[in-house]
PDB file of N, CA and C in Angstrom:
ATOM      1  N   MET A   1     -78.285 -67.307-146.531  1.00  0.00           N
ATOM      2  CA  MET A   1     -78.804 -66.013-146.923  1.00  0.00           C
ATOM      3  C   MET A   1     -77.892 -65.415-147.989  1.00  0.00           C
ATOM      4  N   LEU A   2     -78.486 -64.815-149.002  1.00  0.00           N
ATOM      5  CA  LEU A   2     -77.719 -64.197-150.075  1.00  0.00           C
ATOM      6  C   LEU A   2     -77.101 -62.876-149.622  1.00  0.00           C
ATOM      7  N   GLU A   3     -75.898 -62.615-150.078  1.00  0.00           N
ATOM      8  CA  GLU A   3     -75.245 -61.352-149.777  1.00  0.00           C
ATOM      9  C   GLU A   3     -75.652 -60.329-150.821  1.00  0.00           C
ATOM     10  N   LYS A   4     -76.129 -59.152-150.359  1.00  0.00           N
ATOM     11  CA  LYS A   4     -76.534 -58.079-151.257  1.00  0.00           C
ATOM     12  C   LYS A   4     -75.413 -57.047-151.336  1.00  0.00           C
ATOM     13  N   THR A   5     -75.161 -56.542-152.544  1.00  0.00           N
ATOM     14  CA  THR A   5     -74.188 -55.477-152.759  1.00  0.00           C
ATOM     15  C   THR A   5     -74.924 -54.283-153.336  1.00  0.00           C
ATOM     16  N   LEU A   6     -74.799 -53.112-152.699  1.00  0.00           N
ATOM     17  CA  LEU A   6     -75.466 -51.912-153.176  1.00  0.00           C
ATOM     18  C   LEU A   6     -75.003 -51.595-154.584  1.00  0.00           C
ATOM     19  N   LYS A   7     -75.952 -51.438-155.485  1.00  0.00           N
ATOM     20  CA  LYS A   7     -75.650 -51.142-156.875  1.00  0.00           C
ATOM     21  C   LYS A   7     -75.966 -49.689-157.202  1.00  0.00           C
ATOM     22  N   ALA A   8     -77.145 -49.183-156.818  1.00  0.00           N
ATOM     23  CA  ALA A   8     -77.545 -47.815-157.144  1.00  0.00           C
ATOM     24  C   ALA A   8     -78.688 -47.364-156.255  1.00  0.00           C
ATOM     25  N   ILE A   9     -78.778 -46.045-156.072  1.00  0.00           N
ATOM     26  CA  ILE A   9     -79.921 -45.419-155.421  1.00  0.00           C
ATOM     27  C   ILE A   9     -80.435 -44.388-156.407  1.00  0.00           C
ATOM     28  N   GLU A  10     -81.710 -44.531-156.804  1.00  0.00           N
ATOM     29  CA  GLU A  10     -82.284 -43.670-157.832  1.00  0.00           C
ATOM     30  C   GLU A  10     -83.616 -43.103-157.355  1.00  0.00           C
ATOM     31  N   PRO A  11     -83.946 -41.873-157.762  1.00  0.00           N
ATOM     32  CA  PRO A  11     -85.271 -41.330-157.421  1.00  0.00           C
ATOM     33  C   PRO A  11     -86.343 -42.003-158.266  1.00  0.00           C
ATOM     34  N   PHE A  12     -87.579 -42.009-157.746  1.00  0.00           N
ATOM     35  CA  PHE A  12     -88.698 -42.471-158.561  1.00  0.00           C
ATOM     36  C   PHE A  12     -88.817 -41.544-159.761  1.00  0.00           C
ATOM     37  N   THR A  13     -89.292 -42.056-160.861  1.00  0.00           N
ATOM     38  CA  THR A  13     -89.378 -41.258-162.078  1.00  0.00           C
ATOM     39  C   THR A  13     -90.784 -40.786-162.401  1.00  0.00           C
ATOM     40  N   SER A  14     -91.799 -41.319-161.743  1.00  0.00           N
ATOM     41  CA  SER A  14     -93.159 -40.894-162.049  1.00  0.00           C
ATOM     42  C   SER A  14     -93.931 -40.569-160.780  1.00  0.00           C
ATOM     43  N   LYS A  15     -94.924 -39.711-160.907  1.00  0.00           N
ATOM     44  CA  LYS A  15     -95.756 -39.332-159.769  1.00  0.00           C
ATOM     45  C   LYS A  15     -96.520 -40.541-159.235  1.00  0.00           C
ATOM     46  N   ALA A  16     -96.936 -41.447-160.116  1.00  0.00           N
ATOM     47  CA  ALA A  16     -97.671 -42.642-159.691  1.00  0.00           C
ATOM     48  C   ALA A  16     -96.814 -43.487-158.752  1.00  0.00           C
ATOM     49  N   GLU A  17     -95.503 -43.606-159.037  1.00  0.00           N
ATOM     50  CA  GLU A  17     -94.614 -44.361-158.153  1.00  0.00           C
ATOM     51  C   GLU A  17     -94.556 -43.715-156.781  1.00  0.00           C
ATOM     52  N   LYS A  18     -94.445 -42.400-156.733  1.00  0.00           N
ATOM     53  CA  LYS A  18     -94.328 -41.694-155.460  1.00  0.00           C
ATOM     54  C   LYS A  18     -95.581 -41.850-154.605  1.00  0.00           C
ATOM     55  N   ASN A  19     -96.743 -41.895-155.239  1.00  0.00           N
ATOM     56  CA  ASN A  19     -97.996 -41.947-154.495  1.00  0.00           C
ATOM     57  C   ASN A  19     -98.392 -43.354-154.056  1.00  0.00           C
ATOM     58  N   SER A  20     -97.754 -44.371-154.574  1.00  0.00           N
ATOM     59  CA  SER A  20     -98.221 -45.722-154.300  1.00  0.00           C
ATOM     60  C   SER A  20     -97.212 -46.608-153.577  1.00  0.00           C
ATOM     61  N   ARG A  21     -96.155 -46.064-153.050  1.00  0.00           N
ATOM     62  CA  ARG A  21     -95.114 -46.877-152.428  1.00  0.00           C
ATOM     63  C   ARG A  21     -94.769 -46.354-151.035  1.00  0.00           C
ATOM     64  N   PHE A  22     -94.355 -47.294-150.182  1.00  0.00           N
ATOM     65  CA  PHE A  22     -93.953 -46.927-148.827  1.00  0.00           C
ATOM     66  C   PHE A  22     -92.565 -47.474-148.531  1.00  0.00           C
ATOM     67  N   CYS A  23     -91.826 -46.749-147.730  1.00  0.00           N
ATOM     68  CA  CYS A  23     -90.470 -47.114-147.338  1.00  0.00           C
ATOM     69  C   CYS A  23     -90.506 -48.413-146.529  1.00  0.00           C
ATOM     70  N   ILE A  24     -89.670 -49.377-146.904  1.00  0.00           N
ATOM     71  CA  ILE A  24     -89.634 -50.623-146.137  1.00  0.00           C
ATOM     72  C   ILE A  24     -88.856 -50.461-144.838  1.00  0.00           C
ATOM     73  N   GLY A  25     -88.162 -49.322-144.681  1.00  0.00           N
ATOM     74  CA  GLY A  25     -87.418 -49.070-143.453  1.00  0.00           C
ATOM     75  C   GLY A  25     -88.266 -48.468-142.349  1.00  0.00           C
ATOM     76  N   CYS A  26     -89.156 -47.513-142.722  1.00  0.00           N
ATOM     77  CA  CYS A  26     -89.905 -46.802-141.687  1.00  0.00           C
ATOM     78  C   CYS A  26     -91.392 -46.645-141.973  1.00  0.00           C
ATOM     79  N   GLY A  27     -91.850 -46.960-143.183  1.00  0.00           N
ATOM     80  CA  GLY A  27     -93.273 -46.865-143.505  1.00  0.00           C
ATOM     81  C   GLY A  27     -93.719 -45.533-144.065  1.00  0.00           C
ATOM     82  N   GLU A  28     -92.831 -44.547-144.098  1.00  0.00           N
ATOM     83  CA  GLU A  28     -93.154 -43.255-144.698  1.00  0.00           C
ATOM     84  C   GLU A  28     -93.263 -43.419-146.216  1.00  0.00           C
ATOM     85  N   PRO A  29     -93.830 -42.427-146.928  1.00  0.00           N
ATOM     86  CA  PRO A  29     -93.870 -42.524-148.395  1.00  0.00           C
ATOM     87  C   PRO A  29     -92.455 -42.674-148.967  1.00  0.00           C
ATOM     88  N   ALA A  30     -92.288 -43.608-149.864  1.00  0.00           N
ATOM     89  CA  ALA A  30     -90.971 -43.862-150.463  1.00  0.00           C
ATOM     90  C   ALA A  30     -90.720 -42.905-151.617  1.00  0.00           C
ATOM     91  N   THR A  31     -89.460 -42.536-151.798  1.00  0.00           N
ATOM     92  CA  THR A  31     -89.063 -41.633-152.875  1.00  0.00           C
ATOM     93  C   THR A  31     -87.890 -42.172-153.673  1.00  0.00           C
ATOM     94  N   LYS A  32     -87.263 -43.235-153.193  1.00  0.00           N
ATOM     95  CA  LYS A  32     -86.052 -43.765-153.836  1.00  0.00           C
ATOM     96  C   LYS A  32     -86.189 -45.262-154.102  1.00  0.00           C
ATOM     97  N   LEU A  33     -85.596 -45.679-155.207  1.00  0.00           N
ATOM     98  CA  LEU A  33     -85.440 -47.095-155.506  1.00  0.00           C
ATOM     99  C   LEU A  33     -83.997 -47.447-155.185  1.00  0.00           C
ATOM    100  N   VAL A  34     -83.787 -48.406-154.311  1.00  0.00           N
ATOM    101  CA  VAL A  34     -82.447 -48.849-153.956  1.00  0.00           C
ATOM    102  C   VAL A  34     -82.244 -50.213-154.605  1.00  0.00           C
ATOM    103  N   LYS A  35     -81.218 -50.294-155.438  1.00  0.00           N
ATOM    104  CA  LYS A  35     -80.955 -51.526-156.179  1.00  0.00           C
ATOM    105  C   LYS A  35     -79.714 -52.208-155.629  1.00  0.00           C
ATOM    106  N   TYR A  36     -79.864 -53.503-155.406  1.00  0.00           N
ATOM    107  CA  TYR A  36     -78.765 -54.337-154.946  1.00  0.00           C
ATOM    108  C   TYR A  36     -78.522 -55.419-155.989  1.00  0.00           C
ATOM    109  N   SER A  37     -77.281 -55.857-156.117  1.00  0.00           N
ATOM    110  CA  SER A  37     -77.001 -57.016-156.969  1.00  0.00           C
ATOM    111  C   SER A  37     -76.652 -58.185-156.061  1.00  0.00           C
ATOM    112  N   THR A  38     -77.065 -59.376-156.486  1.00  0.00           N
ATOM    113  CA  THR A  38     -76.786 -60.577-155.739  1.00  0.00           C
ATOM    114  C   THR A  38     -76.877 -61.795-156.645  1.00  0.00           C
ATOM    115  N   GLU A  39     -75.881 -62.579-156.686  1.00  0.00           N
ATOM    116  CA  GLU A  39     -75.843 -63.851-157.404  1.00  0.00           C
ATOM    117  C   GLU A  39     -76.690 -63.889-158.675  1.00  0.00           C
ATOM    118  N   GLY A  40     -76.427 -62.977-159.608  1.00  0.00           N
ATOM    119  CA  GLY A  40     -77.100 -62.985-160.896  1.00  0.00           C
ATOM    120  C   GLY A  40     -78.465 -62.336-160.927  1.00  0.00           C
ATOM    121  N   ALA A  41     -78.871 -61.661-159.865  1.00  0.00           N
ATOM    122  CA  ALA A  41     -80.178 -61.007-159.821  1.00  0.00           C
ATOM    123  C   ALA A  41     -80.026 -59.584-159.292  1.00  0.00           C
ATOM    124  N   ILE A  42     -81.011 -58.759-159.602  1.00  0.00           N
ATOM    125  CA  ILE A  42     -81.075 -57.403-159.055  1.00  0.00           C
ATOM    126  C   ILE A  42     -82.286 -57.351-158.125  1.00  0.00           C
ATOM    127  N   ILE A  43     -82.080 -56.875-156.910  1.00  0.00           N
ATOM    128  CA  ILE A  43     -83.155 -56.702-155.931  1.00  0.00           C
ATOM    129  C   ILE A  43     -83.452 -55.212-155.857  1.00  0.00           C
ATOM    130  N   VAL A  44     -84.729 -54.830-155.986  1.00  0.00           N
ATOM    131  CA  VAL A  44     -85.132 -53.431-155.910  1.00  0.00           C
ATOM    132  C   VAL A  44     -86.000 -53.258-154.670  1.00  0.00           C
ATOM    133  N   GLU A  45     -85.596 -52.327-153.801  1.00  0.00           N
ATOM    134  CA  GLU A  45     -86.348 -52.023-152.598  1.00  0.00           C
ATOM    135  C   GLU A  45     -86.681 -50.543-152.608  1.00  0.00           C
ATOM    136  N   LYS A  46     -87.759 -50.164-151.925  1.00  0.00           N
ATOM    137  CA  LYS A  46     -88.210 -48.775-151.917  1.00  0.00           C
ATOM    138  C   LYS A  46     -87.980 -48.158-150.542  1.00  0.00           C
ATOM    139  N   TYR A  47     -87.395 -46.952-150.528  1.00  0.00           N
ATOM    140  CA  TYR A  47     -87.076 -46.256-149.289  1.00  0.00           C
ATOM    141  C   TYR A  47     -87.411 -44.773-149.391  1.00  0.00           C
ATOM    142  N   CYS A  48     -87.596 -44.130-148.244  1.00  0.00           N
ATOM    143  CA  CYS A  48     -87.735 -42.673-148.194  1.00  0.00           C
ATOM    144  C   CYS A  48     -86.328 -42.065-148.289  1.00  0.00           C
ATOM    145  N   ASP A  49     -86.253 -40.749-148.455  1.00  0.00           N
ATOM    146  CA  ASP A  49     -84.953 -40.077-148.573  1.00  0.00           C
ATOM    147  C   ASP A  49     -84.058 -40.345-147.371  1.00  0.00           C
ATOM    148  N   ARG A  50     -84.631 -40.273-146.163  1.00  0.00           N
ATOM    149  CA  ARG A  50     -83.840 -40.440-144.932  1.00  0.00           C
ATOM    150  C   ARG A  50     -83.245 -41.846-144.827  1.00  0.00           C
ATOM    151  N   CYS A  51     -84.055 -42.863-145.064  1.00  0.00           N
ATOM    152  CA  CYS A  51     -83.564 -44.242-144.965  1.00  0.00           C
ATOM    153  C   CYS A  51     -82.577 -44.558-146.104  1.00  0.00           C
ATOM    154  N   ALA A  52     -82.838 -44.020-147.310  1.00  0.00           N
ATOM    155  CA  ALA A  52     -81.910 -44.233-148.428  1.00  0.00           C
ATOM    156  C   ALA A  52     -80.565 -43.585-148.132  1.00  0.00           C
ATOM    157  N   LYS A  53     -80.583 -42.414-147.495  1.00  0.00           N
ATOM    158  CA  LYS A  53     -79.338 -41.734-147.127  1.00  0.00           C
ATOM    159  C   LYS A  53     -78.562 -42.569-146.122  1.00  0.00           C
ATOM    160  N   ALA A  54     -79.263 -43.151-145.154  1.00  0.00           N
ATOM    161  CA  ALA A  54     -78.609 -43.994-144.151  1.00  0.00           C
ATOM    162  C   ALA A  54     -77.962 -45.215-144.821  1.00  0.00           C
ATOM    163  N   ILE A  55     -78.642 -45.801-145.799  1.00  0.00           N
ATOM    164  CA  ILE A  55     -78.076 -46.942-146.534  1.00  0.00           C
ATOM    165  C   ILE A  55     -76.848 -46.493-147.301  1.00  0.00           C
ATOM    166  N   GLU A  56     -76.947 -45.359-147.982  1.00  0.00           N
ATOM    167  CA  GLU A  56     -75.818 -44.851-148.776  1.00  0.00           C
ATOM    168  C   GLU A  56     -74.613 -44.538-147.878  1.00  0.00           C
ATOM    169  N   ASP A  57     -74.868 -43.900-146.750  1.00  0.00           N
ATOM    170  CA  ASP A  57     -73.771 -43.563-145.819  1.00  0.00           C
ATOM    171  C   ASP A  57     -73.146 -44.819-145.218  1.00  0.00           C
ATOM    172  N   GLY A  58     -73.943 -45.845-144.985  1.00  0.00           N
ATOM    173  CA  GLY A  58     -73.451 -47.076-144.391  1.00  0.00           C
ATOM    174  C   GLY A  58     -72.816 -48.029-145.390  1.00  0.00           C
ATOM    175  N   SER A  59     -72.980 -47.764-146.685  1.00  0.00           N
ATOM    176  CA  SER A  59     -72.476 -48.686-147.696  1.00  0.00           C
ATOM    177  C   SER A  59     -70.958 -48.686-147.784  1.00  0.00           C
ATOM    178  N   ALA A  60     -70.310 -47.663-147.271  1.00  0.00           N
ATOM    179  CA  ALA A  60     -68.848 -47.597-147.331  1.00  0.00           C
ATOM    180  C   ALA A  60     -68.214 -48.477-146.260  1.00  0.00           C
ATOM    181  N   ASN A  61     -69.011 -48.939-145.282  1.00  0.00           N
ATOM    182  CA  ASN A  61     -68.468 -49.763-144.188  1.00  0.00           C
ATOM    183  C   ASN A  61     -68.196 -51.165-144.635  1.00  0.00           C
TER     184      ASN A  61
END
């Protein structure tokens, strides 16, 4: 399994993104793009504010 390193957490930039995406953590509407770097690639996942905050708070561990 590839190791992911948190790179950035960014808000969606368009209304279309907000209306068409769901959080992969809980299924609520997603509002953030969470970017990870791994072995020469960037992985982008979509999360709601609450789940993105949990990822951000846990990234220091």
